[in-house]
């Protein structure tokens, strides 16, 4: 969500642009997201079209937008593939997406045909997404149902909100937490893990994307904030986690990590572009299974 918590996430737009730019160009056969471009507005599609055409624009602002979308595409492809494959391998009747942003899985993954999907996000971001969906004609969900669940994590009780929206804590749930953890404080991360664990029946799983400490990544984001050269420069990272520390936190709440891979390793398996690959090393995707103690 945005730093103020009152406006729609700009990071969500950039991630959607990255997926749209990569569709059919990177890791063909393993990655595809034809829905992403339909959620973008005309001005947001411009740099996507430039990246897809390899047409580097003139002018500082246009070039920054172009490079941001191109770099984002490199990051989101391995991340998306890893998460999609984890979801396919853990079919449950309930999928809760925390901080859903402009996620497209309920509209593009046929494996969710027997799954009820809860999209949990800040009210402002969710209102923005629903407006984009309304503008995208003939875009039916492939999931059994999609339940938009507005939550302000700073003030709302996640469990109470999910109760009100029909989530069944006695049935296995797959929890997806992508692109959110770095923007939360460590206390907020812990509180969210505790809340989802309290609603996890045996057989539940958590797929979590988080960021490990990286001097290079920290320097890049600091420079973007100073120069205000990124659409996401106002959305700072608040917590970074080493794999051992993330595993220890999850274990406290009955979640045992069964896999945890960095995006650079995942990118190598996909044959993704060589450029900027070193920046992928700090991003990670972990899968943890819930075992009641």
C-alpha atoms as a PDB file:
ATOM      1  CA  UNK A   1       0.000   0.000   0.000  1.00  0.00           C
ATOM      2  CA  UNK A   2       1.080   3.630  -0.224  1.00  0.00           C
ATOM      3  CA  UNK A   3       2.950   5.342   2.551  1.00  0.00           C
ATOM      4  CA  UNK A   4      -0.080   7.389   3.532  1.00  0.00           C
ATOM      5  CA  UNK A   5      -2.387   4.409   3.391  1.00  0.00           C
ATOM      6  CA  UNK A   6      -5.005   6.614   1.688  1.00  0.00           C
ATOM      7  CA  UNK A   7      -4.197   6.265  -2.009  1.00  0.00           C
ATOM      8  CA  UNK A   8      -3.995   3.312  -4.369  1.00  0.00           C
ATOM      9  CA  UNK A   9      -0.611   1.604  -4.511  1.00  0.00           C
ATOM     10  CA  UNK A  10       1.704   2.821  -7.263  1.00  0.00           C
ATOM     11  CA  UNK A  11       3.854  -0.266  -6.772  1.00  0.00           C
ATOM     12  CA  UNK A  12       0.879  -2.397  -7.812  1.00  0.00           C
ATOM     13  CA  UNK A  13       0.673  -0.477 -11.090  1.00  0.00           C
ATOM     14  CA  UNK A  14       4.393  -0.930 -11.798  1.00  0.00           C
ATOM     15  CA  UNK A  15       4.182  -4.671 -11.115  1.00  0.00           C
ATOM     16  CA  UNK A  16       1.199  -4.924 -13.458  1.00  0.00           C
ATOM     17  CA  UNK A  17       3.154  -3.007 -16.109  1.00  0.00           C
ATOM     18  CA  UNK A  18       6.079  -5.395 -15.678  1.00  0.00           C
ATOM     19  CA  UNK A  19       3.868  -8.442 -16.195  1.00  0.00           C
ATOM     20  CA  UNK A  20       2.249  -6.860 -19.249  1.00  0.00           C
ATOM     21  CA  UNK A  21       5.646  -6.022 -20.734  1.00  0.00           C
ATOM     22  CA  UNK A  22       6.932  -9.570 -20.172  1.00  0.00           C
ATOM     23  CA  UNK A  23       3.890 -11.429 -21.512  1.00  0.00           C
ATOM     24  CA  UNK A  24       4.951 -13.490 -24.532  1.00  0.00           C
ATOM     25  CA  UNK A  25       8.513 -12.089 -24.403  1.00  0.00           C
ATOM     26  CA  UNK A  26      10.211 -13.626 -21.357  1.00  0.00           C
ATOM     27  CA  UNK A  27      10.149 -17.299 -20.349  1.00  0.00           C
ATOM     28  CA  UNK A  28       7.548 -18.221 -22.955  1.00  0.00           C
ATOM     29  CA  UNK A  29       5.870 -21.473 -21.997  1.00  0.00           C
ATOM     30  CA  UNK A  30       6.437 -20.874 -18.282  1.00  0.00           C
ATOM     31  CA  UNK A  31       5.170 -17.311 -17.894  1.00  0.00           C
ATOM     32  CA  UNK A  32       2.094 -15.682 -19.380  1.00  0.00           C
ATOM     33  CA  UNK A  33      -0.174 -12.872 -18.225  1.00  0.00           C
ATOM     34  CA  UNK A  34      -2.434 -11.613 -21.017  1.00  0.00           C
ATOM     35  CA  UNK A  35      -4.780 -10.084 -18.436  1.00  0.00           C
ATOM     36  CA  UNK A  36      -2.325  -7.542 -16.988  1.00  0.00           C
ATOM     37  CA  UNK A  37      -2.408  -5.106 -19.896  1.00  0.00           C
ATOM     38  CA  UNK A  38      -6.195  -4.920 -19.681  1.00  0.00           C
ATOM     39  CA  UNK A  39      -5.956  -3.485 -16.161  1.00  0.00           C
ATOM     40  CA  UNK A  40      -3.719  -0.622 -17.264  1.00  0.00           C
ATOM     41  CA  UNK A  41      -4.882   2.802 -18.302  1.00  0.00           C
ATOM     42  CA  UNK A  42      -3.737   4.366 -21.571  1.00  0.00           C
ATOM     43  CA  UNK A  43      -0.885   6.412 -20.080  1.00  0.00           C
ATOM     44  CA  UNK A  44       0.323   3.376 -18.128  1.00  0.00           C
ATOM     45  CA  UNK A  45       0.392   1.269 -21.286  1.00  0.00           C
ATOM     46  CA  UNK A  46       2.710   3.670 -23.119  1.00  0.00           C
ATOM     47  CA  UNK A  47       5.983   2.542 -21.462  1.00  0.00           C
ATOM     48  CA  UNK A  48       4.805  -1.071 -21.688  1.00  0.00           C
ATOM     49  CA  UNK A  49       4.404  -0.736 -25.452  1.00  0.00           C
ATOM     50  CA  UNK A  50       7.847   0.882 -25.689  1.00  0.00           C
ATOM     51  CA  UNK A  51       9.496  -1.939 -23.744  1.00  0.00           C
ATOM     52  CA  UNK A  52       7.777  -4.569 -25.840  1.00  0.00           C
ATOM     53  CA  UNK A  53       8.920  -2.824 -29.023  1.00  0.00           C
ATOM     54  CA  UNK A  54      12.427  -2.149 -27.705  1.00  0.00           C
ATOM     55  CA  UNK A  55      11.884   1.523 -28.510  1.00  0.00           C
ATOM     56  CA  UNK A  56      13.922   3.552 -26.008  1.00  0.00           C
ATOM     57  CA  UNK A  57      12.194   6.928 -25.588  1.00  0.00           C
ATOM     58  CA  UNK A  58      13.848  10.338 -25.472  1.00  0.00           C
ATOM     59  CA  UNK A  59      13.575  12.607 -22.457  1.00  0.00           C
ATOM     60  CA  UNK A  60      14.440  11.973 -18.808  1.00  0.00           C
ATOM     61  CA  UNK A  61      10.992  11.176 -17.463  1.00  0.00           C
ATOM     62  CA  UNK A  62      10.024   8.868 -20.328  1.00  0.00           C
ATOM     63  CA  UNK A  63      13.363   7.054 -20.103  1.00  0.00           C
ATOM     64  CA  UNK A  64      12.981   6.551 -16.347  1.00  0.00           C
ATOM     65  CA  UNK A  65       9.492   5.083 -16.850  1.00  0.00           C
ATOM     66  CA  UNK A  66      10.794   2.828 -19.621  1.00  0.00           C
ATOM     67  CA  UNK A  67      13.720   1.516 -17.542  1.00  0.00           C
ATOM     68  CA  UNK A  68      11.491   1.006 -14.514  1.00  0.00           C
ATOM     69  CA  UNK A  69       9.046  -1.164 -16.455  1.00  0.00           C
ATOM     70  CA  UNK A  70      11.841  -3.097 -18.155  1.00  0.00           C
ATOM     71  CA  UNK A  71      13.602  -3.823 -14.863  1.00  0.00           C
ATOM     72  CA  UNK A  72      10.327  -4.749 -13.195  1.00  0.00           C
ATOM     73  CA  UNK A  73       9.574  -7.276 -15.934  1.00  0.00           C
ATOM     74  CA  UNK A  74      12.831  -9.088 -15.155  1.00  0.00           C
ATOM     75  CA  UNK A  75      11.864  -9.323 -11.481  1.00  0.00           C
ATOM     76  CA  UNK A  76       8.205 -10.274 -11.749  1.00  0.00           C
ATOM     77  CA  UNK A  77       8.667 -13.132 -14.217  1.00  0.00           C
ATOM     78  CA  UNK A  78      10.593 -15.532 -11.929  1.00  0.00           C
ATOM     79  CA  UNK A  79       8.528 -14.393  -8.954  1.00  0.00           C
ATOM     80  CA  UNK A  80       5.242 -15.013 -10.753  1.00  0.00           C
ATOM     81  CA  UNK A  81       6.330 -18.393 -12.125  1.00  0.00           C
ATOM     82  CA  UNK A  82       7.457 -19.578  -8.687  1.00  0.00           C
ATOM     83  CA  UNK A  83       4.198 -18.495  -7.059  1.00  0.00           C
ATOM     84  CA  UNK A  84       1.956 -19.852  -9.811  1.00  0.00           C
ATOM     85  CA  UNK A  85       3.648 -23.242  -9.649  1.00  0.00           C
ATOM     86  CA  UNK A  86       3.365 -23.294  -5.865  1.00  0.00           C
ATOM     87  CA  UNK A  87      -0.360 -22.577  -6.109  1.00  0.00           C
ATOM     88  CA  UNK A  88      -0.875 -25.288  -8.722  1.00  0.00           C
ATOM     89  CA  UNK A  89       0.866 -27.771  -6.439  1.00  0.00           C
ATOM     90  CA  UNK A  90      -1.350 -26.956  -3.457  1.00  0.00           C
ATOM     91  CA  UNK A  91      -4.962 -26.978  -4.611  1.00  0.00           C
ATOM     92  CA  UNK A  92      -7.293 -25.934  -1.799  1.00  0.00           C
ATOM     93  CA  UNK A  93     -10.806 -24.630  -1.936  1.00  0.00           C
ATOM     94  CA  UNK A  94      -9.752 -21.320  -0.408  1.00  0.00           C
ATOM     95  CA  UNK A  95      -7.085 -18.880  -1.605  1.00  0.00           C
ATOM     96  CA  UNK A  96      -6.547 -15.653   0.329  1.00  0.00           C
ATOM     97  CA  UNK A  97      -4.363 -13.064  -1.396  1.00  0.00           C
ATOM     98  CA  UNK A  98      -3.005 -10.556   1.099  1.00  0.00           C
ATOM     99  CA  UNK A  99      -2.277  -7.168  -0.450  1.00  0.00           C
ATOM    100  CA  UNK A 100      -3.714  -8.295  -3.767  1.00  0.00           C
ATOM    101  CA  UNK A 101      -2.988  -5.108  -5.694  1.00  0.00           C
ATOM    102  CA  UNK A 102      -3.594  -5.737  -9.405  1.00  0.00           C
ATOM    103  CA  UNK A 103      -3.129  -9.504  -9.106  1.00  0.00           C
ATOM    104  CA  UNK A 104      -4.623 -11.361 -12.080  1.00  0.00           C
ATOM    105  CA  UNK A 105      -4.586 -14.992 -10.942  1.00  0.00           C
ATOM    106  CA  UNK A 106      -8.340 -15.265 -10.362  1.00  0.00           C
ATOM    107  CA  UNK A 107      -8.782 -14.218 -14.008  1.00  0.00           C
ATOM    108  CA  UNK A 108      -6.062 -16.311 -15.666  1.00  0.00           C
ATOM    109  CA  UNK A 109      -5.310 -19.538 -13.713  1.00  0.00           C
ATOM    110  CA  UNK A 110      -7.751 -22.302 -14.749  1.00  0.00           C
ATOM    111  CA  UNK A 111      -6.524 -24.350 -11.771  1.00  0.00           C
ATOM    112  CA  UNK A 112      -8.588 -22.015  -9.574  1.00  0.00           C
ATOM    113  CA  UNK A 113     -11.890 -23.134 -11.112  1.00  0.00           C
ATOM    114  CA  UNK A 114     -12.820 -24.899  -7.861  1.00  0.00           C
ATOM    115  CA  UNK A 115     -11.340 -22.277  -5.576  1.00  0.00           C
ATOM    116  CA  UNK A 116     -12.917 -19.338  -3.773  1.00  0.00           C
ATOM    117  CA  UNK A 117     -10.509 -16.393  -3.856  1.00  0.00           C
ATOM    118  CA  UNK A 118     -10.409 -13.601  -1.292  1.00  0.00           C
ATOM    119  CA  UNK A 119      -8.602 -10.483  -2.484  1.00  0.00           C
ATOM    120  CA  UNK A 120      -7.555  -8.629   0.664  1.00  0.00           C
ATOM    121  CA  UNK A 121      -6.222  -5.102   0.228  1.00  0.00           C
ATOM    122  CA  UNK A 122      -6.406  -1.528   1.447  1.00  0.00           C
ATOM    123  CA  UNK A 123      -9.777   0.033   0.535  1.00  0.00           C
ATOM    124  CA  UNK A 124      -8.213   2.662  -1.741  1.00  0.00           C
ATOM    125  CA  UNK A 125      -6.229   0.116  -3.722  1.00  0.00           C
ATOM    126  CA  UNK A 126      -9.213  -2.202  -3.953  1.00  0.00           C
ATOM    127  CA  UNK A 127     -11.504   0.567  -5.161  1.00  0.00           C
ATOM    128  CA  UNK A 128      -8.953   1.387  -7.868  1.00  0.00           C
ATOM    129  CA  UNK A 129      -8.753  -2.244  -8.982  1.00  0.00           C
ATOM    130  CA  UNK A 130     -12.503  -2.668  -9.145  1.00  0.00           C
ATOM    131  CA  UNK A 131     -12.739   0.439 -11.320  1.00  0.00           C
ATOM    132  CA  UNK A 132     -10.119  -1.017 -13.660  1.00  0.00           C
ATOM    133  CA  UNK A 133     -11.965  -4.340 -13.831  1.00  0.00           C
ATOM    134  CA  UNK A 134     -15.199  -2.539 -14.652  1.00  0.00           C
ATOM    135  CA  UNK A 135     -13.446  -0.721 -17.498  1.00  0.00           C
ATOM    136  CA  UNK A 136     -12.055  -3.988 -18.890  1.00  0.00           C
ATOM    137  CA  UNK A 137     -14.992  -5.386 -20.834  1.00  0.00           C
ATOM    138  CA  UNK A 138     -15.638  -9.134 -20.979  1.00  0.00           C
ATOM    139  CA  UNK A 139     -13.098 -10.134 -18.366  1.00  0.00           C
ATOM    140  CA  UNK A 140     -14.779 -12.936 -16.390  1.00  0.00           C
ATOM    141  CA  UNK A 141     -13.032 -14.563 -13.462  1.00  0.00           C
ATOM    142  CA  UNK A 142     -11.951 -18.184 -13.888  1.00  0.00           C
ATOM    143  CA  UNK A 143     -11.948 -18.800 -10.137  1.00  0.00           C
ATOM    144  CA  UNK A 144     -15.120 -20.207  -8.581  1.00  0.00           C
ATOM    145  CA  UNK A 145     -15.643 -16.869  -6.841  1.00  0.00           C
ATOM    146  CA  UNK A 146     -13.752 -13.672  -6.101  1.00  0.00           C
ATOM    147  CA  UNK A 147     -14.532 -11.898  -2.858  1.00  0.00           C
ATOM    148  CA  UNK A 148     -13.122  -8.400  -2.549  1.00  0.00           C
ATOM    149  CA  UNK A 149     -12.233  -7.854   1.084  1.00  0.00           C
ATOM    150  CA  UNK A 150     -11.112  -4.327   2.022  1.00  0.00           C
ATOM    151  CA  UNK A 151      -8.775  -4.243   5.014  1.00  0.00           C
ATOM    152  CA  UNK A 152      -6.707  -1.454   6.512  1.00  0.00           C
ATOM    153  CA  UNK A 153      -4.075  -3.539   8.286  1.00  0.00           C
ATOM    154  CA  UNK A 154      -3.254  -0.593  10.553  1.00  0.00           C
ATOM    155  CA  UNK A 155      -6.704  -0.549  12.162  1.00  0.00           C
ATOM    156  CA  UNK A 156      -8.779  -3.552  11.047  1.00  0.00           C
ATOM    157  CA  UNK A 157      -8.904  -7.063  12.496  1.00  0.00           C
ATOM    158  CA  UNK A 158      -8.044  -9.429   9.640  1.00  0.00           C
ATOM    159  CA  UNK A 159      -9.802 -12.380  11.239  1.00  0.00           C
ATOM    160  CA  UNK A 160     -13.023 -10.477  11.841  1.00  0.00           C
ATOM    161  CA  UNK A 161     -13.065  -9.141   8.296  1.00  0.00           C
ATOM    162  CA  UNK A 162     -12.496 -12.613   6.813  1.00  0.00           C
ATOM    163  CA  UNK A 163     -15.226 -14.030   9.051  1.00  0.00           C
ATOM    164  CA  UNK A 164     -17.629 -11.448   7.697  1.00  0.00           C
ATOM    165  CA  UNK A 165     -16.703 -12.306   4.110  1.00  0.00           C
ATOM    166  CA  UNK A 166     -17.325 -16.038   4.491  1.00  0.00           C
ATOM    167  CA  UNK A 167     -13.830 -17.459   4.929  1.00  0.00           C
ATOM    168  CA  UNK A 168     -13.933 -20.860   6.674  1.00  0.00           C
ATOM    169  CA  UNK A 169     -11.029 -21.295   9.144  1.00  0.00           C
ATOM    170  CA  UNK A 170     -11.854 -24.978   9.588  1.00  0.00           C
ATOM    171  CA  UNK A 171     -11.008 -25.751   5.941  1.00  0.00           C
ATOM    172  CA  UNK A 172      -7.492 -25.689   4.436  1.00  0.00           C
ATOM    173  CA  UNK A 173      -6.447 -22.318   3.040  1.00  0.00           C
ATOM    174  CA  UNK A 174      -3.625 -21.292   0.753  1.00  0.00           C
ATOM    175  CA  UNK A 175      -2.371 -17.850   1.723  1.00  0.00           C
ATOM    176  CA  UNK A 176      -0.520 -15.753  -0.843  1.00  0.00           C
ATOM    177  CA  UNK A 177       1.529 -12.812   0.396  1.00  0.00           C
ATOM    178  CA  UNK A 178       3.336 -11.253  -2.573  1.00  0.00           C
ATOM    179  CA  UNK A 179       5.050  -7.884  -2.820  1.00  0.00           C
ATOM    180  CA  UNK A 180       3.877  -6.701   0.595  1.00  0.00           C
ATOM    181  CA  UNK A 181       6.284  -7.771   3.354  1.00  0.00           C
ATOM    182  CA  UNK A 182       9.014  -5.168   2.662  1.00  0.00           C
ATOM    183  CA  UNK A 183       6.502  -2.351   3.060  1.00  0.00           C
ATOM    184  CA  UNK A 184       5.474  -3.478   6.557  1.00  0.00           C
ATOM    185  CA  UNK A 185       7.291  -3.046   9.852  1.00  0.00           C
ATOM    186  CA  UNK A 186       8.555  -6.183  11.565  1.00  0.00           C
ATOM    187  CA  UNK A 187       5.739  -5.902  14.122  1.00  0.00           C
ATOM    188  CA  UNK A 188       3.155  -5.673  11.322  1.00  0.00           C
ATOM    189  CA  UNK A 189       4.645  -8.728   9.617  1.00  0.00           C
ATOM    190  CA  UNK A 190       4.486 -10.691  12.863  1.00  0.00           C
ATOM    191  CA  UNK A 191       0.894  -9.617  13.534  1.00  0.00           C
ATOM    192  CA  UNK A 192      -0.190 -10.704  10.048  1.00  0.00           C
ATOM    193  CA  UNK A 193       1.510 -14.101  10.393  1.00  0.00           C
ATOM    194  CA  UNK A 194      -0.229 -14.596  13.736  1.00  0.00           C
ATOM    195  CA  UNK A 195      -3.601 -13.662  12.241  1.00  0.00           C
ATOM    196  CA  UNK A 196      -3.368 -16.017   9.285  1.00  0.00           C
ATOM    197  CA  UNK A 197      -1.993 -18.867  11.389  1.00  0.00           C
ATOM    198  CA  UNK A 198      -4.985 -18.532  13.722  1.00  0.00           C
ATOM    199  CA  UNK A 199      -7.248 -19.186  10.705  1.00  0.00           C
ATOM    200  CA  UNK A 200      -5.211 -22.030   9.191  1.00  0.00           C
ATOM    201  CA  UNK A 201      -6.522 -25.574   9.350  1.00  0.00           C
ATOM    202  CA  UNK A 202      -4.117 -28.505   8.889  1.00  0.00           C
ATOM    203  CA  UNK A 203      -3.259 -28.740   5.202  1.00  0.00           C
ATOM    204  CA  UNK A 204      -3.011 -24.974   4.828  1.00  0.00           C
ATOM    205  CA  UNK A 205       0.043 -23.331   3.266  1.00  0.00           C
ATOM    206  CA  UNK A 206       1.603 -19.898   2.963  1.00  0.00           C
ATOM    207  CA  UNK A 207       3.378 -18.676  -0.168  1.00  0.00           C
ATOM    208  CA  UNK A 208       5.318 -15.560   0.796  1.00  0.00           C
ATOM    209  CA  UNK A 209       7.484 -13.214  -1.224  1.00  0.00           C
ATOM    210  CA  UNK A 210       9.885 -11.132   0.851  1.00  0.00           C
ATOM    211  CA  UNK A 211      13.126  -9.186   0.536  1.00  0.00           C
ATOM    212  CA  UNK A 212      16.465 -10.092   2.092  1.00  0.00           C
ATOM    213  CA  UNK A 213      19.012  -7.395   3.049  1.00  0.00           C
ATOM    214  CA  UNK A 214      21.021  -6.116   0.077  1.00  0.00           C
ATOM    215  CA  UNK A 215      23.335  -3.106   0.031  1.00  0.00           C
ATOM    216  CA  UNK A 216      22.894  -2.703  -3.706  1.00  0.00           C
ATOM    217  CA  UNK A 217      19.098  -2.797  -3.563  1.00  0.00           C
ATOM    218  CA  UNK A 218      19.040  -0.393  -0.609  1.00  0.00           C
ATOM    219  CA  UNK A 219      21.288   2.070  -2.428  1.00  0.00           C
ATOM    220  CA  UNK A 220      19.117   1.946  -5.533  1.00  0.00           C
ATOM    221  CA  UNK A 221      15.909   2.632  -3.648  1.00  0.00           C
ATOM    222  CA  UNK A 222      17.522   5.435  -1.636  1.00  0.00           C
ATOM    223  CA  UNK A 223      18.720   7.069  -4.848  1.00  0.00           C
ATOM    224  CA  UNK A 224      15.227   6.770  -6.356  1.00  0.00           C
ATOM    225  CA  UNK A 225      13.735   8.500  -3.306  1.00  0.00           C
ATOM    226  CA  UNK A 226      16.295  11.317  -3.363  1.00  0.00           C
ATOM    227  CA  UNK A 227      15.832  11.919  -7.084  1.00  0.00           C
ATOM    228  CA  UNK A 228      12.108  11.080  -7.007  1.00  0.00           C
ATOM    229  CA  UNK A 229      12.846   9.183 -10.202  1.00  0.00           C
ATOM    230  CA  UNK A 230      10.494   6.291  -9.570  1.00  0.00           C
ATOM    231  CA  UNK A 231       6.718   6.099  -9.392  1.00  0.00           C
ATOM    232  CA  UNK A 232       7.193   4.038  -6.214  1.00  0.00           C
ATOM    233  CA  UNK A 233       9.746   6.325  -4.521  1.00  0.00           C
ATOM    234  CA  UNK A 234       7.125   7.329  -1.931  1.00  0.00           C
ATOM    235  CA  UNK A 235       6.604   3.718  -0.835  1.00  0.00           C
ATOM    236  CA  UNK A 236       9.701   2.845   1.239  1.00  0.00           C
ATOM    237  CA  UNK A 237      10.755  -0.574   2.444  1.00  0.00           C
ATOM    238  CA  UNK A 238      10.309  -0.995   6.192  1.00  0.00           C
ATOM    239  CA  UNK A 239      11.532  -4.523   6.909  1.00  0.00           C
ATOM    240  CA  UNK A 240      14.015  -6.931   5.343  1.00  0.00           C
ATOM    241  CA  UNK A 241      14.392 -10.558   6.398  1.00  0.00           C
ATOM    242  CA  UNK A 242      17.168 -13.088   6.165  1.00  0.00           C
ATOM    243  CA  UNK A 243      15.845 -16.568   5.277  1.00  0.00           C
ATOM    244  CA  UNK A 244      16.723 -17.987   8.689  1.00  0.00           C
ATOM    245  CA  UNK A 245      14.873 -15.184  10.461  1.00  0.00           C
ATOM    246  CA  UNK A 246      11.797 -15.572   8.253  1.00  0.00           C
ATOM    247  CA  UNK A 247      11.779 -19.330   8.855  1.00  0.00           C
ATOM    248  CA  UNK A 248      12.082 -18.783  12.604  1.00  0.00           C
ATOM    249  CA  UNK A 249       9.169 -16.341  12.635  1.00  0.00           C
ATOM    250  CA  UNK A 250       6.924 -18.682  10.668  1.00  0.00           C
ATOM    251  CA  UNK A 251       7.894 -21.631  12.882  1.00  0.00           C
ATOM    252  CA  UNK A 252       6.680 -19.737  15.953  1.00  0.00           C
ATOM    253  CA  UNK A 253       3.182 -19.936  14.476  1.00  0.00           C
ATOM    254  CA  UNK A 254       3.244 -23.529  13.240  1.00  0.00           C
ATOM    255  CA  UNK A 255       4.423 -22.866   9.681  1.00  0.00           C
ATOM    256  CA  UNK A 256       7.317 -25.026   8.466  1.00  0.00           C
ATOM    257  CA  UNK A 257       9.272 -23.744   5.453  1.00  0.00           C
ATOM    258  CA  UNK A 258       9.566 -26.421   2.749  1.00  0.00           C
ATOM    259  CA  UNK A 259      11.239 -24.241   0.102  1.00  0.00           C
ATOM    260  CA  UNK A 260      12.844 -20.809  -0.047  1.00  0.00           C
ATOM    261  CA  UNK A 261      14.519 -19.628  -3.252  1.00  0.00           C
ATOM    262  CA  UNK A 262      16.018 -16.346  -4.393  1.00  0.00           C
ATOM    263  CA  UNK A 263      14.743 -14.844  -7.625  1.00  0.00           C
ATOM    264  CA  UNK A 264      18.166 -14.955  -9.266  1.00  0.00           C
ATOM    265  CA  UNK A 265      18.256 -18.742  -8.980  1.00  0.00           C
ATOM    266  CA  UNK A 266      14.695 -18.927 -10.283  1.00  0.00           C
ATOM    267  CA  UNK A 267      15.576 -16.626 -13.203  1.00  0.00           C
ATOM    268  CA  UNK A 268      18.449 -18.895 -14.215  1.00  0.00           C
ATOM    269  CA  UNK A 269      16.043 -21.814 -14.547  1.00  0.00           C
ATOM    270  CA  UNK A 270      13.876 -19.728 -16.893  1.00  0.00           C
ATOM    271  CA  UNK A 271      16.642 -18.387 -19.100  1.00  0.00           C
ATOM    272  CA  UNK A 272      15.569 -14.814 -18.316  1.00  0.00           C
ATOM    273  CA  UNK A 273      17.574 -11.854 -19.685  1.00  0.00           C
ATOM    274  CA  UNK A 274      21.106 -11.541 -18.338  1.00  0.00           C
ATOM    275  CA  UNK A 275      20.875  -7.822 -17.583  1.00  0.00           C
ATOM    276  CA  UNK A 276      20.113  -6.733 -14.011  1.00  0.00           C
ATOM    277  CA  UNK A 277      20.141 -10.329 -12.807  1.00  0.00           C
ATOM    278  CA  UNK A 278      22.279  -9.515  -9.777  1.00  0.00           C
ATOM    279  CA  UNK A 279      19.446  -7.312  -8.465  1.00  0.00           C
ATOM    280  CA  UNK A 280      17.257 -10.413  -8.239  1.00  0.00           C
ATOM    281  CA  UNK A 281      19.334 -12.066  -5.533  1.00  0.00           C
ATOM    282  CA  UNK A 282      17.664 -10.264  -2.614  1.00  0.00           C
ATOM    283  CA  UNK A 283      14.087 -11.111  -3.629  1.00  0.00           C
ATOM    284  CA  UNK A 284      12.810 -14.459  -2.371  1.00  0.00           C
ATOM    285  CA  UNK A 285       9.774 -16.766  -2.550  1.00  0.00           C
ATOM    286  CA  UNK A 286       9.176 -19.185   0.312  1.00  0.00           C
ATOM    287  CA  UNK A 287       6.538 -21.865   0.774  1.00  0.00           C
ATOM    288  CA  UNK A 288       5.548 -22.941   4.278  1.00  0.00           C
ATOM    289  CA  UNK A 289       3.095 -25.617   5.360  1.00  0.00           C
ATOM    290  CA  UNK A 290       0.940 -25.312   8.454  1.00  0.00           C
ATOM    291  CA  UNK A 291       1.153 -27.993  11.121  1.00  0.00           C
ATOM    292  CA  UNK A 292      -0.894 -27.521  14.244  1.00  0.00           C
ATOM    293  CA  UNK A 293       1.303 -27.970  17.307  1.00  0.00           C
END
